[in-house]
Structure formats: structure tokens, C-alpha cells
Protein backbone atom coordinates (compact mmCIF):
# COMPACT_ATOMS: atom_id res chain seq x y z
CA MET A 1 0.00 0.00 0.03
CA GLN A 2 0.94 3.65 -0.44
CA TYR A 3 -0.64 7.04 -0.28
CA GLN A 4 -1.61 8.87 -3.53
CA CYS A 5 -2.56 12.51 -3.75
CA ASN A 6 -6.13 13.19 -4.76
CA GLU A 7 -5.00 16.30 -6.73
CA CYS A 8 -1.52 15.87 -8.22
CA SER A 9 -1.22 12.03 -8.09
CA ALA A 10 2.06 12.15 -6.16
CA THR A 11 2.69 8.95 -4.16
CA TYR A 12 4.19 8.46 -0.70
CA LYS A 13 5.14 5.56 1.51
CA ILE A 14 2.99 5.02 4.56
CA SER A 15 4.68 6.94 7.40
CA ALA A 16 3.99 8.16 10.90
CA LEU A 17 3.73 11.91 10.27
CA ARG A 18 2.41 11.95 6.71
CA TYR A 19 -1.27 12.97 6.53
CA LYS A 20 -1.38 15.18 3.39
CA CYS A 21 0.45 15.73 0.12
CA ASP A 22 3.24 18.28 -0.16
CA CYS A 23 0.87 20.23 -2.43
CA GLY A 24 -1.57 20.48 0.50
CA SER A 25 -4.19 18.13 -0.85
CA PRO A 26 -5.66 15.03 0.88
CA LEU A 27 -4.29 11.55 0.27
CA ASN A 28 -6.11 8.41 -0.81
CA LEU A 29 -5.03 4.91 0.06
CA GLN A 30 -3.71 3.11 -3.00
CA LYS A 31 -4.01 -0.62 -2.53
CA ASN A 32 -1.95 -3.18 -4.43
CA ALA A 33 -4.77 -5.64 -4.92
CA SER A 34 -8.52 -5.87 -4.52
CA ARG A 35 -9.66 -7.05 -1.09
CA ARG A 36 -11.87 -10.02 -0.45
CA HIS A 37 -15.37 -9.36 0.88
CA GLU A 38 -16.00 -12.55 2.82
CA ARG A 39 -17.10 -12.07 6.42
CA ASP A 40 -16.34 -13.89 9.66
CA VAL A 41 -19.78 -14.26 11.23
CA SER A 42 -18.21 -15.25 14.59
CA ILE A 43 -17.05 -11.66 15.08
CA MET A 44 -19.86 -9.28 16.20
CA SER A 45 -18.18 -6.04 15.18
CA LEU A 46 -17.04 -4.32 11.98
CA TRP A 47 -13.93 -6.53 12.14
CA ARG A 48 -16.06 -9.33 10.74
CA TYR A 49 -15.11 -7.64 7.42
CA ARG A 50 -11.40 -7.66 8.20
CA GLU A 51 -10.43 -9.16 4.85
CA ALA A 52 -11.77 -5.99 3.15
CA LEU A 53 -9.73 -3.76 5.47
CA PRO A 54 -6.15 -2.61 4.85
CA ILE A 55 -4.81 -4.14 8.09
CA SER A 56 -2.13 -6.80 7.92
CA THR A 57 -2.66 -10.29 9.34
CA GLY A 58 -1.29 -10.52 12.85
CA THR A 59 -1.79 -6.84 13.67
CA GLU A 60 -3.14 -6.02 17.11
CA ILE A 61 -6.73 -4.81 16.66
CA ILE A 62 -7.82 -1.81 18.72
CA THR A 63 -11.51 -2.41 19.21
CA LEU A 64 -14.39 -1.79 21.62
CA GLY A 65 -16.86 -3.92 19.70
CA GLU A 66 -17.94 -1.13 17.30
CA GLY A 67 -20.21 -1.71 14.38
CA MET A 68 -22.96 -4.32 13.66
CA THR A 69 -25.48 -1.75 14.93
CA PRO A 70 -29.22 -2.45 14.52
CA LEU A 71 -31.02 -1.72 11.32
CA ILE A 72 -34.75 -1.25 12.11
CA LEU A 73 -37.82 -0.36 10.12
CA LEU A 74 -39.01 3.21 10.87
CA ASP A 75 -41.97 3.39 8.48
CA SER A 76 -43.58 1.21 5.88
CA THR A 77 -46.28 2.05 3.36
CA GLY A 78 -47.00 -0.55 0.67
CA ASN A 79 -43.66 -1.43 -0.94
CA SER A 80 -42.00 1.68 0.47
CA LYS A 81 -39.79 1.03 3.50
CA HIS A 82 -37.72 3.48 5.48
CA TYR A 83 -35.09 1.84 7.68
CA VAL A 84 -32.82 3.62 10.15
CA LYS A 85 -29.33 2.40 11.04
CA LEU A 86 -28.73 2.94 14.75
CA ASP A 87 -25.07 3.84 14.55
CA TYR A 88 -25.36 5.96 17.63
CA LEU A 89 -25.16 2.64 19.49
CA CYS A 90 -21.44 2.37 18.82
CA PRO A 91 -19.42 2.34 22.08
CA THR A 92 -18.79 6.11 22.45
CA GLY A 93 -22.26 6.97 21.15
CA SER A 94 -21.48 7.79 17.51
CA TYR A 95 -20.58 6.22 14.18
CA LYS A 96 -17.09 7.79 14.48
CA ASP A 97 -15.97 4.70 16.37
CA ARG A 98 -15.80 2.85 13.07
CA GLY A 99 -13.09 5.12 11.72
CA ALA A 100 -11.32 5.49 15.06
CA SER A 101 -10.98 1.69 15.44
CA VAL A 102 -9.33 1.19 12.06
CA LEU A 103 -7.23 4.35 12.31
CA LEU A 104 -5.90 3.68 15.80
CA THR A 105 -5.22 0.03 14.88
CA HIS A 106 -3.06 1.38 12.02
CA LEU A 107 -1.27 3.97 14.19
CA LYS A 108 -0.55 1.46 16.95
CA ALA A 109 1.02 -0.82 14.37
CA LEU A 110 3.20 2.10 13.18
CA GLY A 111 4.45 2.64 16.73
CA VAL A 112 2.79 6.04 17.19
CA LYS A 113 2.85 7.17 20.83
CA GLU A 114 0.98 10.48 20.71
CA VAL A 115 -1.76 12.02 18.52
CA VAL A 116 -3.67 15.28 18.09
CA GLU A 117 -7.11 15.75 16.55
CA ASP A 118 -9.67 18.50 16.00
CA SER A 119 -13.36 17.88 16.35
CA SER A 120 -16.79 19.31 17.02
CA GLY A 121 -17.24 16.54 19.61
CA ASN A 122 -18.02 13.05 18.41
CA ALA A 123 -14.79 12.36 16.52
CA GLY A 124 -12.83 13.75 19.45
CA ALA A 125 -14.57 11.37 21.83
CA ALA A 126 -13.93 8.42 19.50
CA ILE A 127 -10.25 9.21 18.93
CA ALA A 128 -9.83 9.83 22.65
CA ALA A 129 -11.47 6.51 23.60
CA TYR A 130 -9.54 4.40 21.09
CA SER A 131 -6.26 6.17 21.94
CA ALA A 132 -6.87 5.25 25.57
CA ARG A 133 -7.54 1.66 24.47
CA ALA A 134 -4.29 1.67 22.48
CA ASP A 135 -2.30 3.36 25.26
CA ILE A 136 -1.52 6.38 23.01
CA ARG A 137 -1.40 9.89 24.41
CA CYS A 138 -4.07 12.14 22.90
CA THR A 139 -4.88 15.86 22.66
CA ILE A 140 -8.21 16.99 21.27
CA TYR A 141 -8.96 20.50 19.99
CA CYS A 142 -12.66 21.54 20.10
CA PRO A 143 -14.67 24.72 19.60
CA GLU A 144 -15.61 26.41 22.87
CA SER A 145 -19.22 26.06 21.81
CA THR A 146 -19.10 22.25 21.74
CA SER A 147 -21.77 20.52 23.81
CA LYS A 148 -20.65 20.14 27.42
CA GLY A 149 -21.54 16.47 27.48
CA LYS A 150 -19.17 15.79 24.60
CA LEU A 151 -16.36 17.75 26.25
CA LYS A 152 -16.86 15.87 29.53
CA GLN A 153 -16.76 12.56 27.68
CA ILE A 154 -13.48 13.47 25.88
CA SER A 155 -11.85 14.46 29.21
CA ALA A 156 -13.09 11.24 30.85
CA TYR A 157 -11.00 9.16 28.51
CA GLY A 158 -7.86 10.98 29.73
CA ALA A 159 -7.34 13.17 26.67
CA ASP A 160 -5.86 16.64 26.98
CA LEU A 161 -8.69 18.99 25.88
CA LYS A 162 -7.97 22.38 24.29
CA LEU A 163 -10.91 24.70 23.71
CA ILE A 164 -10.68 27.16 20.80
CA PRO A 165 -12.65 30.39 20.46
CA GLY A 166 -14.64 30.81 17.26
CA ASN A 167 -16.24 28.33 14.90
CA ARG A 168 -15.26 24.87 13.61
CA MET A 169 -12.87 26.33 11.04
CA ALA A 170 -10.93 28.15 13.76
CA THR A 171 -10.40 24.84 15.55
CA THR A 172 -9.00 23.25 12.44
CA GLU A 173 -6.54 26.14 12.03
CA ALA A 174 -5.47 25.83 15.67
CA VAL A 175 -4.53 22.17 15.42
CA LYS A 176 -2.26 22.61 12.37
CA GLN A 177 0.76 23.81 14.32
CA ALA A 178 0.62 20.87 16.68
CA ALA A 179 0.26 18.50 13.71
CA GLU A 180 3.67 19.56 12.42
CA ASN A 181 5.42 17.53 15.12
CA THR A 182 2.73 15.18 16.47
CA TYR A 183 0.73 12.65 14.52
CA TYR A 184 -2.51 14.19 13.26
CA ALA A 185 -5.17 11.49 13.77
CA SER A 186 -7.67 13.43 11.65
CA HIS A 187 -11.00 11.89 10.82
CA ASN A 188 -11.19 14.30 7.87
CA TRP A 189 -7.70 14.01 6.39
CA HIS A 190 -6.75 10.40 7.10
CA PRO A 191 -7.82 7.73 4.55
CA PHE A 192 -7.64 4.93 7.12
CA PHE A 193 -10.57 6.58 8.94
CA LEU A 194 -12.69 6.17 5.81
CA GLU A 195 -11.72 2.53 5.71
CA GLY A 196 -13.61 2.17 8.95
CA THR A 197 -16.70 4.12 7.91
CA LYS A 198 -16.91 2.11 4.70
CA THR A 199 -18.02 -0.94 6.71
CA LEU A 200 -21.45 0.69 6.92
CA ALA A 201 -22.04 -0.41 3.34
CA SER A 202 -21.15 -4.03 4.14
CA GLU A 203 -23.41 -4.10 7.20
CA ILE A 204 -26.38 -2.59 5.40
CA THR A 205 -25.97 -5.07 2.56
CA GLU A 206 -25.69 -8.00 4.99
CA GLN A 207 -28.58 -6.89 7.18
CA LEU A 208 -30.86 -6.52 4.11
CA GLU A 209 -29.81 -10.01 3.05
CA GLY A 210 -28.01 -8.80 -0.06
CA ASN A 211 -30.78 -6.48 -1.19
CA VAL A 212 -29.41 -3.03 -2.00
CA PRO A 213 -31.57 -0.11 -0.90
CA ALA A 214 -32.56 2.46 -3.49
CA HIS A 215 -31.11 5.28 -1.36
CA VAL A 216 -28.97 5.81 1.73
CA ILE A 217 -29.37 9.17 3.59
CA CYS A 218 -26.81 10.66 5.92
CA PRO A 219 -25.86 13.94 7.57
CA VAL A 220 -22.86 15.55 5.83
CA GLY A 221 -20.31 17.98 7.06
CA PHE A 222 -16.78 17.09 6.05
CA GLY A 223 -18.23 13.88 4.57
CA SER A 224 -16.73 10.97 6.46
CA ILE A 225 -19.98 8.93 6.34
CA TYR A 226 -20.84 9.91 2.78
CA LEU A 227 -17.38 9.02 1.49
CA GLY A 228 -17.22 5.85 3.54
CA LEU A 229 -20.53 4.72 2.03
CA TYR A 230 -19.21 5.62 -1.40
CA LEU A 231 -16.01 3.61 -0.94
CA GLY A 232 -17.87 0.68 0.64
CA PHE A 233 -20.57 0.30 -1.99
CA GLN A 234 -18.05 0.89 -4.77
CA GLU A 235 -15.83 -1.93 -3.53
CA LEU A 236 -18.81 -4.28 -3.06
CA HIS A 237 -19.90 -3.54 -6.60
CA GLU A 238 -16.46 -4.08 -8.07
CA ALA A 239 -16.14 -7.37 -6.18
CA GLY A 240 -19.49 -8.54 -7.59
CA VAL A 241 -21.13 -8.78 -4.21
CA ILE A 242 -23.87 -6.33 -5.28
CA ASP A 243 -25.11 -5.62 -8.85
CA ARG A 244 -25.94 -1.97 -8.30
CA VAL A 245 -25.24 0.88 -5.81
CA PRO A 246 -27.75 2.99 -3.91
CA ARG A 247 -28.09 6.71 -4.54
CA LEU A 248 -26.26 8.52 -1.75
CA LEU A 249 -28.35 11.38 -0.38
CA GLY A 250 -26.72 14.03 1.86
CA VAL A 251 -28.30 16.55 4.24
CA GLN A 252 -26.67 19.82 5.41
CA PRO A 253 -27.77 22.69 7.70
CA GLU A 254 -28.88 25.82 5.88
CA THR A 255 -26.39 27.92 7.83
CA CYS A 256 -23.37 26.02 6.41
CA CYS A 257 -24.10 24.02 3.25
CA PRO A 258 -21.23 24.35 0.70
CA ILE A 259 -21.80 20.85 -0.79
CA TYR A 260 -25.50 21.52 -1.30
CA ASN A 261 -24.63 24.82 -3.03
CA ALA A 262 -22.29 23.05 -5.43
CA TYR A 263 -24.87 20.34 -6.11
CA ARG A 264 -27.65 22.87 -6.69
CA ASP A 265 -25.57 25.11 -8.93
CA LYS A 266 -23.86 22.20 -10.72
CA THR A 267 -20.44 23.72 -10.13
CA PRO A 268 -17.23 21.64 -10.81
CA THR A 269 -15.79 22.53 -7.36
CA ILE A 270 -17.07 23.18 -3.87
CA SER A 271 -16.54 26.75 -2.71
CA ARG A 272 -16.12 27.80 0.89
CA MET A 273 -19.31 28.99 2.60
CA PRO A 274 -18.70 30.94 5.80
CA GLN A 275 -21.04 29.79 8.52
CA THR A 276 -23.91 32.30 8.59
CA GLY A 277 -25.30 31.52 11.99
CA GLN A 278 -25.61 28.95 14.78
CA THR A 279 -27.20 25.60 14.11
CA LEU A 280 -28.34 22.73 16.30
CA ALA A 281 -26.49 20.38 13.90
CA GLU A 282 -23.07 21.28 15.31
CA GLY A 283 -21.56 18.03 14.03
CA ILE A 284 -21.93 18.93 10.33
CA THR A 285 -20.75 22.56 10.08
CA ALA A 286 -17.89 22.42 7.58
CA GLU A 287 -17.28 25.64 5.69
CA LEU A 288 -15.06 23.90 3.13
CA PRO A 289 -14.86 20.08 3.03
CA ILE A 290 -11.31 18.83 2.69
CA ARG A 291 -12.20 16.09 0.21
CA GLY A 292 -14.47 18.20 -1.98
CA GLU A 293 -13.41 16.68 -5.29
CA MET A 294 -14.06 13.16 -3.97
CA ILE A 295 -17.47 14.18 -2.66
CA LEU A 296 -18.47 15.54 -6.04
CA GLU A 297 -17.21 12.28 -7.61
CA ALA A 298 -19.37 10.29 -5.17
CA ILE A 299 -22.45 12.38 -5.99
CA HIS A 300 -21.87 11.81 -9.69
CA TRP A 301 -20.98 8.10 -9.46
CA THR A 302 -24.03 7.23 -7.31
CA ASN A 303 -26.42 9.72 -8.93
CA GLY A 304 -26.65 11.29 -5.48
CA ALA A 305 -28.41 14.40 -4.26
CA PHE A 306 -28.27 16.96 -1.45
CA THR A 307 -30.77 19.04 0.49
CA THR A 308 -30.75 21.34 3.53
CA VAL A 309 -32.68 21.74 6.79
CA ASP A 310 -33.13 24.45 9.44
CA ASP A 311 -33.37 24.19 13.16
CA ALA A 312 -37.18 23.87 13.11
CA ASP A 313 -36.78 20.90 10.78
CA ILE A 314 -34.18 19.37 13.15
CA LYS A 315 -36.35 19.74 16.21
CA ALA A 316 -39.26 18.14 14.33
CA GLY A 317 -36.99 15.27 13.26
CA MET A 318 -35.89 14.72 16.89
CA LYS A 319 -39.51 14.59 18.01
CA THR A 320 -40.48 12.18 15.20
CA LEU A 321 -37.68 9.82 16.16
CA ALA A 322 -38.36 10.14 19.92
CA ASN A 323 -41.98 9.16 19.26
CA LYS A 324 -40.60 6.00 17.71
CA GLY A 325 -38.39 5.31 20.77
CA LEU A 326 -35.18 6.68 19.24
CA TYR A 327 -33.24 9.42 21.12
CA VAL A 328 -30.65 11.04 18.92
CA GLU A 329 -28.59 14.27 18.90
CA PRO A 330 -29.70 17.07 16.53
CA THR A 331 -27.12 16.25 13.88
CA SER A 332 -28.68 12.79 13.44
CA ALA A 333 -32.20 14.15 13.17
CA VAL A 334 -31.54 16.04 9.94
CA VAL A 335 -32.23 12.87 7.96
CA ILE A 336 -35.94 12.91 8.83
CA LYS A 337 -36.83 16.17 7.14
CA GLY A 338 -34.24 15.32 4.55
CA TYR A 339 -36.19 12.19 3.73
CA GLU A 340 -39.38 14.20 3.35
CA LYS A 341 -37.71 16.79 1.12
CA PHE A 342 -36.21 14.13 -1.15
CA LYS A 343 -39.70 12.57 -1.47
CA GLU A 344 -41.24 15.97 -2.31
CA ALA A 345 -38.54 16.47 -4.97
CA GLY A 346 -39.38 13.07 -6.59
CA ILE A 347 -35.95 11.69 -5.84
CA ILE A 348 -37.36 9.07 -3.43
CA ARG A 349 -40.33 7.29 -5.03
CA ASP A 350 -43.25 5.67 -3.32
CA GLU A 351 -41.92 2.11 -3.87
CA ASP A 352 -38.31 2.80 -2.76
CA VAL A 353 -36.47 1.15 0.08
CA VAL A 354 -34.39 3.74 1.98
CA VAL A 355 -31.85 3.54 4.79
CA SER A 356 -31.03 6.61 6.89
CA ILE A 357 -27.98 6.68 9.18
CA LEU A 358 -28.55 7.91 12.76
CA THR A 359 -25.10 9.10 13.77
CA GLY A 360 -25.02 10.27 17.40
CA ILE A 361 -26.87 9.51 20.60
CA GLY A 362 -29.15 12.14 22.17
CA LEU A 363 -27.43 11.93 25.59
CA LYS A 364 -24.48 13.87 24.11
CA ALA A 365 -26.66 16.87 23.51
CA SER A 366 -29.20 16.67 26.37
CA SER A 367 -28.98 20.44 26.93
CA VAL A 368 -30.59 21.14 23.55
CA PRO A 369 -34.19 22.39 24.04
């Protein structure tokens, strides 16, 4: 394996401090051969798909039993079925555990002793927890506005927590200096993180007994779920496990929706959109996604689509889910109104099977009205 630049195609050996190209662009993981997609049903975690993951045989696995979360039917009308994937039931309360498990397994094997990461909360908690599991020192940079419950959780794992004034973009800028000398365990920059989130595609396929849904809906900020789903379904399709891929549908908050803007305007690139106000969906406020070119590629390749929601939509989504017995944080709830908007636009048809990803547990944001 080696890294390859997404922009200039430069290649690099896998190394401890390398997380981006010399040109400043993100790196992809270039694999020497296609991976097998057989599963070990005796393992009740995402590591049942280990043969599809870029982790060498004999490597110590850093795991807390993440993945294999329930897929339940939310609504059904005739042939139309709307399932929700309860990924907030991963060990730290969010889907970010998928990427953290694979990334920290990789870093432990490289001999890394200390990492830094920036996060709006959930990724920080996941990296902190799996760093603790791997006995790796960890410092997490978060916006001062991050939910107190998430900050308390990060600190509980023993991570050094640094709070940064300003928005999410300010936090990313603050971590860059530390990343010059300490390994940057970034859930946005590091391709090994996406190798973990791609297992969502394998689980959905397995849980639907090989039947591919027409659409998969997810919240999107920097795009780690959206891109993981893209990689996962793409690999399953190339391996002949599935004969088609679902349309990937993304939902963003109105106050910060650069991907939606590019989708709506059919532009060849994603332009930075300064955050115009506060949003309940703190986990998906990304003014300029790092892997913008790859996101646009995923939209095109899957015939995907994007929409936006406001805080009233989010609160309504939380209430709808709570009435079904599901308690999620606001970022997760964007998929409910998103589903309705995609139906109104004719993207989701009456007979379609749809899976929505619920990303974070409501206990992390219990202060939200």
C-alpha cells in the first residue's frame, strides 16, 4: 500500500507523520490488490469484514466492539420502506468509532505514541477513547461552543482537551501547528478513517440479506460517512457482491451548506461557505470540506443528491424519532426532514427502500431544548 494525492497524483510511503500531500491536498489509500469481501460471522463487530480492510494479518486490533449496529424499520407504506441504522449505539455513542478503530489500529502498528485531533465533539470522543484503548497519548482541539456532554466525555478518556474560540474552522486552524510535530489523527484527512466508515455499506448489505436499498441518507459536514458509504458500496460492486449501488443522499444545515450549493448550482468545485449563524447540527458545520473533489465524484458516481434543513426541521426530526423510541442528537435528526424533502422532490419514489444513518446519541446533547 501507499498514499496517492487526490489532486496531483504524487505517491508516498505510509509513514507516521504523513497525513497530506506536499501540495496540501488530501491523500487516498492506493492498494496493491482488490480485497476479499467474505465475512467472519463469529465476530460481532465491523472486524467481521477484516479481509476487506487494509490491516495486515497478525496486527493487534484496537476495538471496543464497534459496528454491527441495529437496522430497524421506521416506516412502511406498501412497498415503500424506510429503515434507520442505529449507529449511535457504537461504544462512544457515535458512528465515528468505526473510523477510530481502524485508524488507531493502524497507528498502533506504526508505533505512534501520541496524537492530536480537532473535532466538534463526536470524533474527538472516538479518537480519545480508542487512543486510551491503544495506550496512546491524545490531545483533542474543540470549539468552545461544543456541547458540554461531549467535552466531559473526551476528558473522561484521559485526553488533553484544548478549547478554541470561534467556529469549527478556527479549531482546524489551531490544530495545524501541533500537527507539524505530532501525529494528526484526523477523521477528515486520514484515509484509514474512511476505511472504517466504509463498513457501513457491508453491514447494510448483509442486514438486508443482499438487497441493496434504493437510497442511503446521511448527515454531511466534512463527509466521512458519505465518502465511507461511497467507498464501501463501490468496492462491493467491483467485487461482484452487489449488482448496483444505492443513490447517496446528503443533508446539510442551511447555515453552512457548501456541498448543497455546489450540487444545486452544478459547479465543478465546492466553494467555501462561511457559517452564517448557529445551528443545532453542530456536528456537520464544515465551511469547506477537505475532500471536496471526492465528494463531487461520489455524488456523480451514485447519482446522489443533497438538501438542507433548518433548526425547526431538526427539532421536528428529533420529535419524530423520539416518538418511535429513538433518542438522537440534533445532527442525526436532519435525515428525517431530509427524507421528506427528497420525497417531495421526486428523488425518493413511493416504492423505494431507503436507509437513513442515525449518527449520534441524544445523551451527548441533552442540553438542547
